[in-house]
C-alpha atoms as a PDB file:
ATOM      1  CA  MET A   1     110.409  69.233 124.088  1.00  0.00           C
ATOM      2  CA  THR A   2     107.942  67.711 121.651  1.00  0.00           C
ATOM      3  CA  THR A   3     108.418  64.333 119.978  1.00  0.00           C
ATOM      4  CA  LEU A   4     107.222  63.655 116.432  1.00  0.00           C
ATOM      5  CA  ALA A   5     106.876  60.201 114.915  1.00  0.00           C
ATOM      6  CA  VAL A   6     108.653  59.604 111.593  1.00  0.00           C
ATOM      7  CA  TYR A   7     106.919  57.401 109.018  1.00  0.00           C
ATOM      8  CA  ASN A   8     107.847  55.852 105.712  1.00  0.00           C
ATOM      9  CA  ALA A   9     105.638  55.820 102.628  1.00  0.00           C
ATOM     10  CA  GLN A  10     103.847  52.669 103.853  1.00  0.00           C
ATOM     11  CA  ARG A  11     102.773  54.409 107.090  1.00  0.00           C
ATOM     12  CA  GLU A  12     105.213  52.374 109.162  1.00  0.00           C
ATOM     13  CA  LYS A  13     106.829  54.182 112.066  1.00  0.00           C
ATOM     14  CA  VAL A  14     110.580  54.235 111.433  1.00  0.00           C
ATOM     15  CA  GLY A  15     111.783  56.671 114.057  1.00  0.00           C
ATOM     16  CA  GLU A  16     111.169  59.724 116.204  1.00  0.00           C
ATOM     17  CA  LEU A  17     112.261  63.343 116.159  1.00  0.00           C
ATOM     18  CA  THR A  18     112.527  65.655 119.130  1.00  0.00           C
ATOM     19  CA  VAL A  19     111.728  69.255 118.222  1.00  0.00           C
ATOM     20  CA  SER A  20     112.174  72.463 120.143  1.00  0.00           C
ATOM     21  CA  ASP A  21     109.201  73.994 121.938  1.00  0.00           C
ATOM     22  CA  THR A  22     110.498  77.449 121.024  1.00  0.00           C
ATOM     23  CA  VAL A  23     109.534  76.685 117.417  1.00  0.00           C
ATOM     24  CA  PHE A  24     106.850  73.982 117.594  1.00  0.00           C
ATOM     25  CA  GLY A  25     105.385  74.716 121.026  1.00  0.00           C
ATOM     26  CA  VAL A  26     104.424  78.386 120.885  1.00  0.00           C
ATOM     27  CA  ALA A  27     100.985  79.340 122.184  1.00  0.00           C
ATOM     28  CA  PRO A  28      99.042  80.670 119.175  1.00  0.00           C
ATOM     29  CA  LYS A  29      97.586  84.176 119.227  1.00  0.00           C
ATOM     30  CA  GLU A  30      94.744  84.793 116.815  1.00  0.00           C
ATOM     31  CA  GLY A  31      95.646  88.463 116.425  1.00  0.00           C
ATOM     32  CA  VAL A  32      99.198  87.751 115.258  1.00  0.00           C
ATOM     33  CA  LEU A  33      98.089  85.057 112.800  1.00  0.00           C
ATOM     34  CA  HIS A  34      95.339  87.306 111.417  1.00  0.00           C
ATOM     35  CA  GLN A  35      97.787  90.170 111.001  1.00  0.00           C
ATOM     36  CA  VAL A  36     100.228  88.080 108.949  1.00  0.00           C
ATOM     37  CA  VAL A  37      97.536  86.417 106.814  1.00  0.00           C
ATOM     38  CA  LYS A  38      96.058  89.835 106.057  1.00  0.00           C
ATOM     39  CA  TRP A  39      99.540  91.077 105.081  1.00  0.00           C
ATOM     40  CA  GLN A  40     100.063  88.093 102.770  1.00  0.00           C
ATOM     41  CA  LEU A  41      96.713  88.553 101.034  1.00  0.00           C
ATOM     42  CA  ALA A  42      97.357  92.281 100.604  1.00  0.00           C
ATOM     43  CA  LYS A  43     100.654  91.514  98.864  1.00  0.00           C
ATOM     44  CA  LYS A  44      98.874  89.135  96.473  1.00  0.00           C
ATOM     45  CA  ARG A  45      96.305  91.725  95.358  1.00  0.00           C
ATOM     46  CA  ALA A  46      96.865  92.653  91.733  1.00  0.00           C
ATOM     47  CA  GLY A  47      95.703  96.279  91.861  1.00  0.00           C
ATOM     48  CA  ASN A  48      95.399  96.475  88.065  1.00  0.00           C
ATOM     49  CA  ALA A  49      91.988  98.176  87.835  1.00  0.00           C
ATOM     50  CA  CYS A  50      92.285 101.426  85.926  1.00  0.00           C
ATOM     51  CA  VAL A  51      89.957 104.140  84.660  1.00  0.00           C
ATOM     52  CA  LYS A  52      90.727 107.215  82.550  1.00  0.00           C
ATOM     53  CA  THR A  53      90.642 110.670  84.057  1.00  0.00           C
ATOM     54  CA  ARG A  54      89.549 113.753  82.134  1.00  0.00           C
ATOM     55  CA  GLY A  55      93.169 114.241  81.110  1.00  0.00           C
ATOM     56  CA  GLU A  56      93.328 110.805  79.475  1.00  0.00           C
ATOM     57  CA  VAL A  57      90.030 110.399  77.592  1.00  0.00           C
ATOM     58  CA  SER A  58      89.890 111.351  73.930  1.00  0.00           C
ATOM     59  CA  GLY A  59      88.301 114.654  73.095  1.00  0.00           C
ATOM     60  CA  SER A  60      88.965 118.249  72.234  1.00  0.00           C
ATOM     61  CA  GLY A  61      90.242 120.993  74.472  1.00  0.00           C
ATOM     62  CA  LYS A  62      88.028 123.462  72.679  1.00  0.00           C
ATOM     63  CA  LYS A  63      85.196 125.124  74.574  1.00  0.00           C
ATOM     64  CA  PRO A  64      82.007 123.332  73.374  1.00  0.00           C
ATOM     65  CA  TYR A  65      79.901 126.494  73.082  1.00  0.00           C
ATOM     66  CA  ARG A  66      79.994 130.112  74.138  1.00  0.00           C
ATOM     67  CA  GLN A  67      79.852 130.993  77.805  1.00  0.00           C
ATOM     68  CA  LYS A  68      76.620 132.983  77.847  1.00  0.00           C
ATOM     69  CA  GLY A  69      73.381 133.254  75.999  1.00  0.00           C
ATOM     70  CA  THR A  70      72.674 129.593  75.226  1.00  0.00           C
ATOM     71  CA  GLY A  71      70.520 128.834  78.243  1.00  0.00           C
ATOM     72  CA  ARG A  72      72.731 125.877  79.072  1.00  0.00           C
ATOM     73  CA  ALA A  73      75.107 125.439  81.930  1.00  0.00           C
ATOM     74  CA  ARG A  74      78.575 126.773  81.172  1.00  0.00           C
ATOM     75  CA  ALA A  75      81.107 124.196  80.018  1.00  0.00           C
ATOM     76  CA  GLY A  76      84.784 124.396  79.206  1.00  0.00           C
ATOM     77  CA  SER A  77      85.509 120.913  77.871  1.00  0.00           C
ATOM     78  CA  ASN A  78      83.697 117.894  76.492  1.00  0.00           C
ATOM     79  CA  LYS A  79      85.977 115.696  78.654  1.00  0.00           C
ATOM     80  CA  SER A  80      84.245 116.786  81.849  1.00  0.00           C
ATOM     81  CA  PRO A  81      83.150 113.939  84.171  1.00  0.00           C
ATOM     82  CA  LEU A  82      79.607 115.334  83.888  1.00  0.00           C
ATOM     83  CA  TRP A  83      79.488 114.624  80.195  1.00  0.00           C
ATOM     84  CA  LYS A  84      78.917 111.354  78.364  1.00  0.00           C
ATOM     85  CA  ARG A  85      82.283 109.748  77.514  1.00  0.00           C
ATOM     86  CA  GLY A  86      83.966 112.140  79.923  1.00  0.00           C
ATOM     87  CA  GLY A  87      86.717 111.220  82.343  1.00  0.00           C
ATOM     88  CA  SER A  88      86.130 109.526  85.692  1.00  0.00           C
ATOM     89  CA  VAL A  89      86.636 111.164  89.066  1.00  0.00           C
ATOM     90  CA  PHE A  90      88.557 109.376  91.828  1.00  0.00           C
ATOM     91  CA  GLY A  91      88.443 106.065  89.945  1.00  0.00           C
ATOM     92  CA  PRO A  92      90.868 103.195  90.604  1.00  0.00           C
ATOM     93  CA  LYS A  93      94.435 103.329  89.311  1.00  0.00           C
ATOM     94  CA  PRO A  94      97.090 100.588  89.257  1.00  0.00           C
ATOM     95  CA  ARG A  95      98.604 100.381  92.730  1.00  0.00           C
ATOM     96  CA  ASP A  96     100.466  98.109  95.098  1.00  0.00           C
ATOM     97  CA  TYR A  97      98.397  97.054  98.108  1.00  0.00           C
ATOM     98  CA  GLY A  98     101.381  95.588  99.944  1.00  0.00           C
ATOM     99  CA  TYR A  99     102.822  97.053 103.110  1.00  0.00           C
ATOM    100  CA  SER A 100     105.697  96.248 105.413  1.00  0.00           C
ATOM    101  CA  LEU A 101     105.464  93.971 108.429  1.00  0.00           C
ATOM    102  CA  PRO A 102     108.278  93.362 110.942  1.00  0.00           C
ATOM    103  CA  LYS A 103     110.289  90.225 110.285  1.00  0.00           C
ATOM    104  CA  LYS A 104     109.955  89.181 113.929  1.00  0.00           C
ATOM    105  CA  VAL A 105     106.164  89.213 113.657  1.00  0.00           C
ATOM    106  CA  ARG A 106     106.248  87.073 110.505  1.00  0.00           C
ATOM    107  CA  SER A 107     108.631  84.590 112.128  1.00  0.00           C
ATOM    108  CA  LEU A 108     106.488  84.412 115.267  1.00  0.00           C
ATOM    109  CA  ALA A 109     103.371  83.742 113.190  1.00  0.00           C
ATOM    110  CA  LEU A 110     105.124  80.864 111.380  1.00  0.00           C
ATOM    111  CA  ARG A 111     106.067  79.298 114.715  1.00  0.00           C
ATOM    112  CA  MET A 112     102.492  79.701 115.907  1.00  0.00           C
ATOM    113  CA  ALA A 113     101.124  78.128 112.719  1.00  0.00           C
ATOM    114  CA  PHE A 114     103.360  75.053 113.115  1.00  0.00           C
ATOM    115  CA  SER A 115     102.471  74.860 116.821  1.00  0.00           C
ATOM    116  CA  THR A 116      98.774  74.960 115.971  1.00  0.00           C
ATOM    117  CA  LYS A 117      99.176  71.969 113.660  1.00  0.00           C
ATOM    118  CA  ILE A 118     101.114  69.997 116.270  1.00  0.00           C
ATOM    119  CA  GLU A 119      98.507  70.815 118.903  1.00  0.00           C
ATOM    120  CA  GLY A 120      95.806  69.430 116.593  1.00  0.00           C
ATOM    121  CA  ASP A 121      97.921  66.386 115.641  1.00  0.00           C
ATOM    122  CA  ARG A 122      97.965  67.560 112.035  1.00  0.00           C
ATOM    123  CA  ILE A 123     101.700  67.302 111.296  1.00  0.00           C
ATOM    124  CA  LEU A 124     103.173  64.231 109.604  1.00  0.00           C
ATOM    125  CA  VAL A 125     106.910  63.675 109.187  1.00  0.00           C
ATOM    126  CA  LEU A 126     107.886  61.358 106.329  1.00  0.00           C
ATOM    127  CA  ARG A 127     111.312  59.886 105.733  1.00  0.00           C
ATOM    128  CA  ASP A 128     110.501  59.331 102.060  1.00  0.00           C
ATOM    129  CA  PHE A 129     107.539  59.429  99.698  1.00  0.00           C
ATOM    130  CA  GLY A 130     108.349  56.194  97.873  1.00  0.00           C
ATOM    131  CA  LEU A 131     107.926  57.770  94.427  1.00  0.00           C
ATOM    132  CA  GLU A 132     110.190  56.088  91.912  1.00  0.00           C
ATOM    133  CA  GLN A 133     108.593  57.871  88.963  1.00  0.00           C
ATOM    134  CA  ILE A 134     106.123  60.656  88.240  1.00  0.00           C
ATOM    135  CA  LYS A 135     102.822  58.981  89.032  1.00  0.00           C
ATOM    136  CA  THR A 136      99.750  60.769  90.363  1.00  0.00           C
ATOM    137  CA  ARG A 137      98.172  57.441  91.336  1.00  0.00           C
ATOM    138  CA  ASP A 138     101.127  56.540  93.573  1.00  0.00           C
ATOM    139  CA  MET A 139     100.976  59.915  95.327  1.00  0.00           C
ATOM    140  CA  LYS A 140      97.204  59.603  95.781  1.00  0.00           C
ATOM    141  CA  GLY A 141      97.716  56.131  97.285  1.00  0.00           C
ATOM    142  CA  LEU A 142     100.232  57.531  99.787  1.00  0.00           C
ATOM    143  CA  LEU A 143      97.802  60.232 100.919  1.00  0.00           C
ATOM    144  CA  ASP A 144      94.993  57.688 101.229  1.00  0.00           C
ATOM    145  CA  ARG A 145      97.138  55.501 103.501  1.00  0.00           C
ATOM    146  CA  PHE A 146      97.468  58.440 105.881  1.00  0.00           C
ATOM    147  CA  ALA A 147      93.793  59.430 105.440  1.00  0.00           C
ATOM    148  CA  VAL A 148      94.850  62.867 104.224  1.00  0.00           C
ATOM    149  CA  LYS A 149      92.755  64.838 101.742  1.00  0.00           C
ATOM    150  CA  LYS A 150      94.011  68.396 102.156  1.00  0.00           C
ATOM    151  CA  ALA A 151      97.710  68.924 102.793  1.00  0.00           C
ATOM    152  CA  VAL A 152     100.648  71.208 102.204  1.00  0.00           C
ATOM    153  CA  ILE A 153     103.904  69.285 101.732  1.00  0.00           C
ATOM    154  CA  VAL A 154     107.168  70.919 102.861  1.00  0.00           C
ATOM    155  CA  THR A 155     110.421  69.632 101.346  1.00  0.00           C
ATOM    156  CA  ASP A 156     114.033  70.454 102.170  1.00  0.00           C
ATOM    157  CA  MET A 157     114.882  70.913  98.488  1.00  0.00           C
ATOM    158  CA  PRO A 158     113.003  71.021  95.153  1.00  0.00           C
ATOM    159  CA  ASP A 159     111.653  67.584  94.228  1.00  0.00           C
ATOM    160  CA  GLN A 160     110.330  67.480  90.671  1.00  0.00           C
ATOM    161  CA  THR A 161     108.973  63.939  90.950  1.00  0.00           C
ATOM    162  CA  LEU A 162     106.956  64.865  94.034  1.00  0.00           C
ATOM    163  CA  GLU A 163     105.742  68.165  92.558  1.00  0.00           C
ATOM    164  CA  LEU A 164     104.606  66.659  89.257  1.00  0.00           C
ATOM    165  CA  SER A 165     102.970  63.686  90.982  1.00  0.00           C
ATOM    166  CA  SER A 166     100.979  66.036  93.218  1.00  0.00           C
ATOM    167  CA  ARG A 167      99.969  68.832  90.872  1.00  0.00           C
ATOM    168  CA  ASN A 168      96.759  67.171  89.626  1.00  0.00           C
ATOM    169  CA  ILE A 169      95.525  66.207  93.097  1.00  0.00           C
ATOM    170  CA  PRO A 170      93.005  68.733  94.452  1.00  0.00           C
ATOM    171  CA  HIS A 171      93.837  70.460  97.740  1.00  0.00           C
ATOM    172  CA  VAL A 172      97.477  69.347  97.770  1.00  0.00           C
ATOM    173  CA  LYS A 173     100.343  71.814  97.499  1.00  0.00           C
ATOM    174  CA  VAL A 174     104.115  71.251  97.545  1.00  0.00           C
ATOM    175  CA  LEU A 175     106.296  73.986  99.014  1.00  0.00           C
ATOM    176  CA  PRO A 176     110.084  74.205  99.205  1.00  0.00           C
ATOM    177  CA  LEU A 177     111.495  75.220 102.571  1.00  0.00           C
ATOM    178  CA  LYS A 178     111.931  78.852 101.565  1.00  0.00           C
ATOM    179  CA  GLY A 179     108.290  79.018 100.455  1.00  0.00           C
ATOM    180  CA  ILE A 180     106.621  78.142 103.771  1.00  0.00           C
ATOM    181  CA  ASN A 181     104.068  80.734 104.800  1.00  0.00           C
ATOM    182  CA  VAL A 182     101.351  81.224 107.397  1.00  0.00           C
ATOM    183  CA  TYR A 183      98.465  81.375 104.906  1.00  0.00           C
ATOM    184  CA  ASP A 184      99.146  77.928 103.400  1.00  0.00           C
ATOM    185  CA  LEU A 185      99.955  76.322 106.751  1.00  0.00           C
ATOM    186  CA  LEU A 186      96.570  77.400 108.109  1.00  0.00           C
ATOM    187  CA  LYS A 187      94.609  76.834 104.895  1.00  0.00           C
ATOM    188  CA  TYR A 188      95.412  73.123 104.531  1.00  0.00           C
ATOM    189  CA  GLU A 189      94.279  70.598 107.109  1.00  0.00           C
ATOM    190  CA  TYR A 190      97.564  68.663 107.301  1.00  0.00           C
ATOM    191  CA  VAL A 191     101.219  69.647 107.052  1.00  0.00           C
ATOM    192  CA  ILE A 192     103.457  66.879 105.713  1.00  0.00           C
ATOM    193  CA  ILE A 193     107.170  67.527 106.247  1.00  0.00           C
ATOM    194  CA  LYS A 194     110.050  65.607 104.757  1.00  0.00           C
ATOM    195  CA  GLU A 195     112.322  64.521 107.606  1.00  0.00           C
ATOM    196  CA  PRO A 196     115.443  66.584 106.677  1.00  0.00           C
ATOM    197  CA  ALA A 197     113.306  69.734 106.470  1.00  0.00           C
ATOM    198  CA  VAL A 198     112.333  69.604 110.162  1.00  0.00           C
ATOM    199  CA  GLY A 199     115.803  70.548 111.370  1.00  0.00           C
ATOM    200  CA  LEU A 200     116.083  73.282 108.747  1.00  0.00           C
ATOM    201  CA  ILE A 201     112.742  74.744 109.841  1.00  0.00           C
ATOM    202  CA  GLU A 202     113.964  74.818 113.448  1.00  0.00           C
ATOM    203  CA  GLU A 203     117.198  76.485 112.391  1.00  0.00           C
ATOM    204  CA  ARG A 204     115.368  79.113 110.353  1.00  0.00           C
ATOM    205  CA  LEU A 205     112.652  79.964 112.893  1.00  0.00           C
ATOM    206  CA  ARG A 206     114.560  79.653 116.156  1.00  0.00           C
ATOM    207  CA  PRO A 207     114.157  83.011 117.997  1.00  0.00           C
END
């Protein structure tokens, strides 16, 4: 079992949490993490590039000139890809780059991502953020007290005050519990978790 210190907004230790090694103590495998990050990025690809084929460009269906006797190569349409303003061949079309990945693999990668942060002492558990109003300066002061510059913050429920206080701070992202993902956990240096969310993460990811 792993023990995590719990802090308040003033960086005072106010308690401890014991977490399961089946969720926060999994040996990371680079291949699994790479597979899930690649899957996430593929799902985010827009795939909106589009060109017109010879059936979609404007033009006539009439034969441009007679078949023989002109000395030119035969042609049946001015929409041919060989002609100026003709259609494109094998060009990109709107498509979905996403593909399926087993749920067990995604869950395993999340456990590995959290375990990686614990192994590097990059997880902070906070009992509260001490934000009485929407104030970017107060949130920046909290991060400075913990010497954190790049962090993803995981909350147990939507917190508008926290989200609005953090949105103008570079390299800080707030995620609700259902939004946790491998890409963001690995991208940001620190993971800050609100205390009630720790138990919910264990419950969700327990194999």
